[in-house]
Amino acid sequence: QVYVQSFCCGKWFECSECHDEAEKDHQFTVDRVLRLMCKCCRRVFQRDLSALMESDKFCEQCQNLWCLPG
């Protein structure tokens, strides 16, 4: 439901595994703060994964649920 921006190269990917497949010279580094882009409305936002609340799992602009249950 979102794209994630890699802090190491600044490119957007569907997931960290997609990044690692495309970028052979480095790996995706996970930070506690992620920069995300909603696939529905293209709004860019950040989320602190160490303090993620239920209300943070929705896009603030279009209310798309971006954090799907795993």
Protein backbone atom coordinates (compact mmCIF):
# COMPACT_ATOMS: atom_id res chain seq x y z
CA GLN A 1 0.00 0.00 0.00
CA VAL A 2 3.07 2.26 0.22
CA TYR A 3 6.48 2.80 -1.33
CA VAL A 4 9.42 3.15 1.04
CA GLN A 5 12.32 5.52 0.40
CA SER A 6 15.78 4.18 0.98
CA PHE A 7 17.92 6.54 3.06
CA CYS A 8 21.11 5.13 1.57
CA CYS A 9 20.35 6.01 -2.07
CA GLY A 10 17.15 8.10 -1.93
CA LYS A 11 15.26 5.83 -4.34
CA TRP A 12 11.70 4.54 -3.83
CA PHE A 13 10.91 0.82 -3.59
CA GLU A 14 7.98 -1.45 -2.75
CA CYS A 15 10.01 -3.14 0.00
CA SER A 16 13.52 -3.59 1.35
CA GLU A 17 13.93 -6.85 -0.58
CA CYS A 18 13.08 -5.03 -3.83
CA HIS A 19 15.77 -2.49 -3.00
CA ASP A 20 18.40 -5.16 -2.38
CA GLU A 21 17.57 -6.92 -5.65
CA ALA A 22 17.90 -3.70 -7.66
CA GLU A 23 20.88 -2.14 -5.86
CA LYS A 24 23.71 -4.66 -5.93
CA ASP A 25 26.37 -2.37 -4.45
CA HIS A 26 24.65 -1.78 -1.08
CA GLN A 27 21.81 -3.08 1.11
CA PHE A 28 18.71 -1.38 2.48
CA THR A 29 19.38 0.03 5.93
CA VAL A 30 16.48 0.04 8.37
CA ASP A 31 16.07 3.14 10.48
CA ARG A 32 13.38 3.60 13.11
CA VAL A 33 11.91 6.44 11.02
CA LEU A 34 10.69 5.48 7.54
CA ARG A 35 9.81 7.85 4.71
CA LEU A 36 6.78 6.45 2.89
CA MET A 37 4.61 7.32 -0.12
CA CYS A 38 0.95 6.31 -0.27
CA LYS A 39 0.22 4.33 -3.45
CA CYS A 40 -3.32 5.74 -3.62
CA CYS A 41 -2.78 9.49 -3.35
CA ARG A 42 1.05 9.74 -3.60
CA ARG A 43 1.34 11.72 -0.35
CA VAL A 44 4.80 11.45 1.23
CA PHE A 45 4.98 11.06 5.01
CA GLN A 46 7.24 9.72 7.76
CA ARG A 47 6.49 7.22 10.49
CA ASP A 48 8.50 6.45 13.61
CA LEU A 49 8.32 2.67 13.88
CA SER A 50 9.32 2.70 17.54
CA ALA A 51 6.15 4.63 18.45
CA LEU A 52 3.66 3.43 15.82
CA MET A 53 0.05 3.78 16.99
CA GLU A 54 -3.08 2.38 15.38
CA SER A 55 -4.03 5.80 13.96
CA ASP A 56 -0.57 6.05 12.30
CA LYS A 57 -1.39 3.11 10.02
CA PHE A 58 -3.61 5.24 7.77
CA CYS A 59 -2.65 7.85 5.21
CA GLU A 60 -3.51 11.27 6.63
CA GLN A 61 -4.74 12.50 3.25
CA CYS A 62 -6.85 9.68 1.78
CA GLN A 63 -7.25 7.39 4.84
CA ASN A 64 -5.80 4.42 2.94
CA LEU A 65 -4.73 1.67 5.33
CA TRP A 66 -1.04 1.33 4.46
CA CYS A 67 0.10 -0.95 7.29
CA LEU A 68 -1.56 -4.26 6.54
CA PRO A 69 -1.85 -6.94 9.24
CA GLY A 70 0.92 -9.48 8.94
